[in-house]
C-alpha cells in the first residue's frame, strides 16, 4: 500500500484515497491522460522523432489531440520540442525528467506481456 493511503467506506465498498499523496496523484494525472503513455513510450525508443513519425506510432490519436498532448507534456517538462536551424524541421524528444520514465514504461511493457 502506498504511503499516505487511507481507507474510506463508501456505499458499502472500501475505497482507497490518496489524500496525503499529491505527487502520486499528479504523476497519474500526467501519465494516465489518454495518449500520453503511448507518446512517452514511443519517445523512449529514440532520441528524437518528427511529428509525422510520432503520429504514426500513436495512429489512433488525431493530429489535433497529439499536438495538444505534446504541448501539455512540454509544459510538464517531460517532452522537449526542437527545431533544426537549417531545415526548420520540428522534432520531439524526452527531457531528462521524461527519460527517467523509461524504466517505468519498461516494467509496464513487461507486465502487459505477462498479463494482458
N, C-alpha and C. Protein backbone atom coordinates (compact mmCIF):
# COMPACT_ATOMS: atom_id res chain seq x y z
N UNK A 1 0.84 -1.17 0.00
CA UNK A 1 0.00 0.00 0.00
C UNK A 1 0.89 1.24 0.00
N UNK A 2 0.55 2.21 -0.83
CA UNK A 2 1.35 3.42 -0.93
C UNK A 2 1.29 4.22 0.36
N UNK A 3 2.39 4.89 0.65
CA UNK A 3 2.43 5.72 1.84
C UNK A 3 1.41 6.84 1.69
N UNK A 4 0.64 7.09 2.73
CA UNK A 4 -0.37 8.13 2.67
C UNK A 4 -1.73 7.62 2.26
N UNK A 5 -1.84 6.33 1.92
CA UNK A 5 -3.12 5.77 1.52
C UNK A 5 -4.01 5.62 2.73
N UNK A 6 -5.27 5.90 2.55
CA UNK A 6 -6.24 5.76 3.62
C UNK A 6 -7.45 5.02 3.08
N UNK A 7 -8.10 4.25 3.94
CA UNK A 7 -9.31 3.58 3.54
C UNK A 7 -10.50 4.46 3.88
N UNK A 8 -11.48 4.44 3.01
CA UNK A 8 -12.69 5.21 3.22
C UNK A 8 -13.87 4.33 2.84
N UNK A 9 -14.86 4.27 3.68
CA UNK A 9 -16.05 3.45 3.44
C UNK A 9 -17.07 4.27 2.66
N UNK A 10 -17.44 3.81 1.47
CA UNK A 10 -18.45 4.49 0.68
C UNK A 10 -19.38 3.45 0.07
N UNK A 11 -20.67 3.63 0.26
CA UNK A 11 -21.68 2.74 -0.32
C UNK A 11 -21.37 1.27 -0.04
N UNK A 12 -20.86 0.97 1.13
CA UNK A 12 -20.56 -0.40 1.48
C UNK A 12 -19.26 -0.91 0.88
N UNK A 13 -18.59 -0.10 0.07
CA UNK A 13 -17.33 -0.50 -0.55
C UNK A 13 -16.18 0.17 0.18
N UNK A 14 -15.09 -0.53 0.23
CA UNK A 14 -13.88 0.01 0.85
C UNK A 14 -13.01 0.59 -0.26
N UNK A 15 -12.88 1.89 -0.28
CA UNK A 15 -12.09 2.56 -1.31
C UNK A 15 -10.82 3.11 -0.71
N UNK A 16 -9.80 3.21 -1.52
CA UNK A 16 -8.53 3.78 -1.07
C UNK A 16 -8.48 5.22 -1.57
N UNK A 17 -8.15 6.14 -0.67
CA UNK A 17 -7.96 7.53 -1.08
C UNK A 17 -6.49 7.88 -0.89
N UNK A 18 -6.02 8.80 -1.65
CA UNK A 18 -4.62 9.23 -1.58
C UNK A 18 -4.54 10.71 -1.25
N UNK A 19 -5.28 11.09 -0.25
CA UNK A 19 -5.34 12.49 0.14
C UNK A 19 -3.98 13.03 0.54
N UNK A 20 -3.13 12.20 1.10
CA UNK A 20 -1.83 12.65 1.60
C UNK A 20 -0.72 12.44 0.59
N UNK A 21 -1.05 12.08 -0.62
CA UNK A 21 -0.01 11.76 -1.59
C UNK A 21 -0.23 12.53 -2.90
N UNK A 22 -0.06 13.84 -2.91
CA UNK A 22 -0.32 14.62 -4.12
C UNK A 22 0.65 14.31 -5.26
N UNK A 23 1.87 13.88 -4.95
CA UNK A 23 2.82 13.55 -6.02
C UNK A 23 2.34 12.35 -6.83
N UNK A 24 1.81 11.35 -6.13
CA UNK A 24 1.27 10.17 -6.80
C UNK A 24 0.09 10.56 -7.70
N UNK A 25 -0.80 11.37 -7.17
CA UNK A 25 -1.97 11.82 -7.93
C UNK A 25 -1.53 12.61 -9.15
N UNK A 26 -0.58 13.52 -8.99
CA UNK A 26 -0.11 14.33 -10.12
C UNK A 26 0.60 13.48 -11.17
N UNK A 27 1.36 12.49 -10.73
CA UNK A 27 2.04 11.60 -11.69
C UNK A 27 1.01 10.89 -12.57
N UNK A 28 -0.04 10.36 -11.95
CA UNK A 28 -1.05 9.67 -12.74
C UNK A 28 -1.93 10.62 -13.55
N UNK A 29 -2.05 11.84 -13.10
CA UNK A 29 -2.78 12.84 -13.88
C UNK A 29 -2.07 13.07 -15.21
N UNK A 30 -0.75 13.07 -15.17
CA UNK A 30 0.04 13.28 -16.39
C UNK A 30 0.14 12.01 -17.22
N UNK A 31 0.65 10.95 -16.62
CA UNK A 31 0.91 9.71 -17.35
C UNK A 31 -0.39 9.02 -17.77
N UNK A 32 -1.42 9.13 -16.94
CA UNK A 32 -2.66 8.43 -17.21
C UNK A 32 -3.58 9.11 -18.21
N UNK A 33 -3.25 10.32 -18.61
CA UNK A 33 -4.11 11.01 -19.57
C UNK A 33 -4.03 10.30 -20.91
N UNK A 34 -5.16 10.18 -21.55
CA UNK A 34 -5.23 9.42 -22.80
C UNK A 34 -4.17 9.88 -23.79
N UNK A 35 -3.45 8.95 -24.34
CA UNK A 35 -2.39 9.05 -25.34
C UNK A 35 -1.03 9.40 -24.75
N UNK A 36 -0.96 10.00 -23.57
CA UNK A 36 0.33 10.40 -23.02
C UNK A 36 1.27 9.22 -22.82
N UNK A 37 0.76 8.11 -22.33
CA UNK A 37 1.59 6.93 -22.13
C UNK A 37 2.20 6.43 -23.43
N UNK A 38 1.39 6.39 -24.48
CA UNK A 38 1.90 5.93 -25.78
C UNK A 38 2.91 6.92 -26.37
N UNK A 39 2.66 8.20 -26.18
CA UNK A 39 3.60 9.21 -26.67
C UNK A 39 4.93 9.06 -25.95
N UNK A 40 4.90 8.99 -24.64
CA UNK A 40 6.14 8.86 -23.86
C UNK A 40 6.85 7.56 -24.20
N UNK A 41 6.09 6.47 -24.29
CA UNK A 41 6.68 5.17 -24.62
C UNK A 41 7.35 5.20 -25.99
N UNK A 42 6.72 5.83 -26.96
CA UNK A 42 7.30 5.93 -28.31
C UNK A 42 8.59 6.74 -28.28
N UNK A 43 8.59 7.83 -27.51
CA UNK A 43 9.79 8.67 -27.44
C UNK A 43 10.91 8.00 -26.64
N UNK A 44 10.58 7.04 -25.80
CA UNK A 44 11.61 6.28 -25.07
C UNK A 44 12.46 5.46 -26.03
N UNK A 45 11.91 5.13 -27.18
CA UNK A 45 12.60 4.25 -28.13
C UNK A 45 13.64 4.98 -28.98
N UNK A 46 13.63 6.30 -28.99
CA UNK A 46 14.53 7.05 -29.86
C UNK A 46 14.89 8.38 -29.21
N UNK A 47 15.93 9.02 -29.71
CA UNK A 47 16.30 10.33 -29.17
C UNK A 47 15.29 11.40 -29.55
N UNK A 48 14.99 11.51 -30.81
CA UNK A 48 14.03 12.49 -31.31
C UNK A 48 13.17 11.87 -32.39
N UNK A 49 11.94 12.34 -32.49
CA UNK A 49 11.03 11.89 -33.54
C UNK A 49 10.36 13.11 -34.17
N UNK A 50 10.23 13.06 -35.47
CA UNK A 50 9.45 14.08 -36.15
C UNK A 50 7.98 13.83 -35.86
N UNK A 51 7.19 14.87 -36.00
CA UNK A 51 5.77 14.77 -35.68
C UNK A 51 5.10 13.65 -36.46
N UNK A 52 5.38 13.56 -37.77
CA UNK A 52 4.72 12.54 -38.60
C UNK A 52 5.07 11.12 -38.14
N UNK A 53 6.30 10.93 -37.68
CA UNK A 53 6.71 9.61 -37.19
C UNK A 53 6.03 9.29 -35.86
N UNK A 54 5.95 10.29 -35.02
CA UNK A 54 5.26 10.12 -33.74
C UNK A 54 3.78 9.85 -33.97
N UNK A 55 3.19 10.57 -34.93
CA UNK A 55 1.77 10.38 -35.26
C UNK A 55 1.52 8.96 -35.76
N UNK A 56 2.47 8.39 -36.48
CA UNK A 56 2.27 7.02 -36.97
C UNK A 56 2.39 6.00 -35.83
N UNK A 57 3.15 6.33 -34.78
CA UNK A 57 3.25 5.44 -33.62
C UNK A 57 1.98 5.47 -32.78
N UNK A 58 1.31 6.61 -32.78
CA UNK A 58 0.09 6.80 -31.99
C UNK A 58 -1.03 7.06 -33.00
N UNK A 59 -1.22 6.12 -33.90
CA UNK A 59 -2.06 6.34 -35.08
C UNK A 59 -3.54 6.56 -34.78
N UNK A 60 -4.06 6.06 -33.67
CA UNK A 60 -5.47 6.26 -33.35
C UNK A 60 -5.75 7.65 -32.80
N UNK A 61 -4.71 8.39 -32.48
CA UNK A 61 -4.84 9.74 -31.94
C UNK A 61 -4.86 10.73 -33.10
N UNK A 62 -5.81 11.66 -33.09
CA UNK A 62 -5.86 12.66 -34.15
C UNK A 62 -4.67 13.61 -34.02
N UNK A 63 -4.31 14.24 -35.13
CA UNK A 63 -3.19 15.19 -35.11
C UNK A 63 -3.46 16.33 -34.14
N UNK A 64 -4.69 16.80 -34.10
CA UNK A 64 -5.06 17.91 -33.21
C UNK A 64 -4.82 17.54 -31.75
N UNK A 65 -5.27 16.35 -31.37
CA UNK A 65 -5.09 15.90 -29.99
C UNK A 65 -3.62 15.64 -29.70
N UNK A 66 -2.90 15.08 -30.67
CA UNK A 66 -1.47 14.83 -30.47
C UNK A 66 -0.72 16.13 -30.21
N UNK A 67 -1.03 17.17 -30.98
CA UNK A 67 -0.40 18.48 -30.76
C UNK A 67 -0.72 18.98 -29.35
N UNK A 68 -1.96 18.84 -28.95
CA UNK A 68 -2.40 19.27 -27.62
C UNK A 68 -1.63 18.52 -26.52
N UNK A 69 -1.53 17.19 -26.66
CA UNK A 69 -0.83 16.39 -25.66
C UNK A 69 0.65 16.73 -25.62
N UNK A 70 1.28 16.95 -26.78
CA UNK A 70 2.69 17.30 -26.81
C UNK A 70 2.93 18.63 -26.11
N UNK A 71 2.04 19.59 -26.31
CA UNK A 71 2.17 20.89 -25.63
C UNK A 71 2.04 20.71 -24.12
N UNK A 72 1.10 19.88 -23.69
CA UNK A 72 0.93 19.62 -22.26
C UNK A 72 2.17 18.95 -21.68
N UNK A 73 2.72 17.97 -22.40
CA UNK A 73 3.91 17.28 -21.93
C UNK A 73 5.13 18.21 -21.93
N UNK A 74 5.16 19.18 -22.85
CA UNK A 74 6.21 20.20 -22.83
C UNK A 74 6.08 21.07 -21.58
N UNK A 75 4.86 21.46 -21.26
CA UNK A 75 4.63 22.29 -20.07
C UNK A 75 5.04 21.56 -18.80
N UNK A 76 4.87 20.24 -18.80
CA UNK A 76 5.26 19.42 -17.64
C UNK A 76 6.76 19.11 -17.65
N UNK A 77 7.44 19.57 -18.69
CA UNK A 77 8.89 19.37 -18.86
C UNK A 77 9.26 17.89 -18.98
N UNK A 78 8.38 17.14 -19.66
CA UNK A 78 8.63 15.73 -19.95
C UNK A 78 9.11 15.59 -21.39
N UNK A 79 8.56 16.42 -22.27
CA UNK A 79 8.90 16.40 -23.69
C UNK A 79 9.51 17.75 -24.06
N UNK A 80 10.51 17.70 -24.96
CA UNK A 80 11.08 18.95 -25.48
C UNK A 80 10.90 18.98 -27.00
N UNK A 81 10.61 20.15 -27.47
CA UNK A 81 10.41 20.40 -28.91
C UNK A 81 11.69 21.03 -29.44
N UNK A 82 12.15 20.55 -30.57
CA UNK A 82 13.39 21.04 -31.15
C UNK A 82 13.16 21.42 -32.61
N UNK A 83 13.71 22.55 -33.03
CA UNK A 83 13.61 22.99 -34.41
C UNK A 83 15.02 23.07 -34.98
N UNK A 84 15.25 22.35 -36.08
CA UNK A 84 16.56 22.37 -36.74
C UNK A 84 16.73 23.75 -37.39
N UNK A 85 17.83 24.42 -37.10
CA UNK A 85 18.06 25.78 -37.61
C UNK A 85 18.12 25.84 -39.14
N UNK A 86 18.69 24.84 -39.76
CA UNK A 86 18.85 24.86 -41.22
C UNK A 86 17.59 24.40 -41.95
N UNK A 87 17.04 23.28 -41.53
CA UNK A 87 15.90 22.70 -42.27
C UNK A 87 14.55 23.14 -41.74
N UNK A 88 14.53 23.69 -40.52
CA UNK A 88 13.29 24.10 -39.84
C UNK A 88 12.38 22.91 -39.52
N UNK A 89 12.95 21.71 -39.52
CA UNK A 89 12.20 20.50 -39.18
C UNK A 89 12.01 20.45 -37.67
N UNK A 90 10.77 20.22 -37.26
CA UNK A 90 10.44 20.14 -35.84
C UNK A 90 10.47 18.68 -35.42
N UNK A 91 11.11 18.43 -34.28
CA UNK A 91 11.12 17.08 -33.73
C UNK A 91 10.92 17.16 -32.22
N UNK A 92 10.58 16.01 -31.66
CA UNK A 92 10.27 15.91 -30.23
C UNK A 92 11.12 14.84 -29.60
N UNK A 93 11.52 15.08 -28.37
CA UNK A 93 12.29 14.11 -27.60
C UNK A 93 11.95 14.24 -26.13
N UNK A 94 12.49 13.37 -25.34
CA UNK A 94 12.25 13.42 -23.91
C UNK A 94 13.30 14.28 -23.22
N UNK A 95 12.88 15.00 -22.22
CA UNK A 95 13.80 15.71 -21.35
C UNK A 95 14.43 14.69 -20.41
N UNK A 96 15.32 15.15 -19.55
CA UNK A 96 15.89 14.25 -18.54
C UNK A 96 14.77 13.71 -17.66
N UNK A 97 13.85 14.57 -17.29
CA UNK A 97 12.70 14.17 -16.47
C UNK A 97 11.89 13.09 -17.19
N UNK A 98 11.65 13.29 -18.48
CA UNK A 98 10.90 12.30 -19.26
C UNK A 98 11.65 11.00 -19.45
N UNK A 99 12.96 11.09 -19.68
CA UNK A 99 13.77 9.89 -19.90
C UNK A 99 13.82 9.01 -18.65
N UNK A 100 13.67 9.62 -17.48
CA UNK A 100 13.67 8.83 -16.25
C UNK A 100 12.42 7.97 -16.12
N UNK A 101 11.45 8.16 -17.00
CA UNK A 101 10.26 7.31 -17.01
C UNK A 101 10.49 5.99 -17.75
N UNK A 102 11.59 5.88 -18.50
CA UNK A 102 11.82 4.68 -19.29
C UNK A 102 11.75 3.39 -18.49
N UNK A 103 12.40 3.28 -17.32
CA UNK A 103 12.28 2.03 -16.56
C UNK A 103 10.83 1.73 -16.14
N UNK A 104 10.07 2.77 -15.88
CA UNK A 104 8.66 2.60 -15.52
C UNK A 104 7.92 1.97 -16.70
N UNK A 105 8.13 2.52 -17.89
CA UNK A 105 7.45 2.00 -19.07
C UNK A 105 7.96 0.63 -19.47
N UNK A 106 9.25 0.36 -19.24
CA UNK A 106 9.77 -0.99 -19.48
C UNK A 106 9.03 -2.00 -18.60
N UNK A 107 8.82 -1.65 -17.34
CA UNK A 107 8.10 -2.53 -16.42
C UNK A 107 6.63 -2.70 -16.84
N UNK A 108 6.01 -1.64 -17.30
CA UNK A 108 4.62 -1.74 -17.77
C UNK A 108 4.54 -2.66 -18.98
N UNK A 109 5.50 -2.53 -19.91
CA UNK A 109 5.52 -3.42 -21.08
C UNK A 109 5.69 -4.87 -20.65
N UNK A 110 6.58 -5.12 -19.70
CA UNK A 110 6.80 -6.48 -19.21
C UNK A 110 5.54 -7.03 -18.55
N UNK A 111 4.91 -6.21 -17.72
CA UNK A 111 3.68 -6.62 -17.06
C UNK A 111 2.60 -6.93 -18.11
N UNK A 112 2.47 -6.09 -19.11
CA UNK A 112 1.46 -6.29 -20.16
C UNK A 112 1.74 -7.58 -20.94
N UNK A 113 3.02 -7.84 -21.24
CA UNK A 113 3.36 -9.08 -21.93
C UNK A 113 2.96 -10.31 -21.13
N UNK A 114 3.08 -10.23 -19.82
CA UNK A 114 2.77 -11.36 -18.97
C UNK A 114 1.28 -11.51 -18.66
N UNK A 115 0.56 -10.40 -18.57
CA UNK A 115 -0.78 -10.46 -18.02
C UNK A 115 -1.92 -9.96 -18.91
N UNK A 116 -1.60 -9.21 -19.95
CA UNK A 116 -2.69 -8.65 -20.76
C UNK A 116 -2.80 -9.42 -22.06
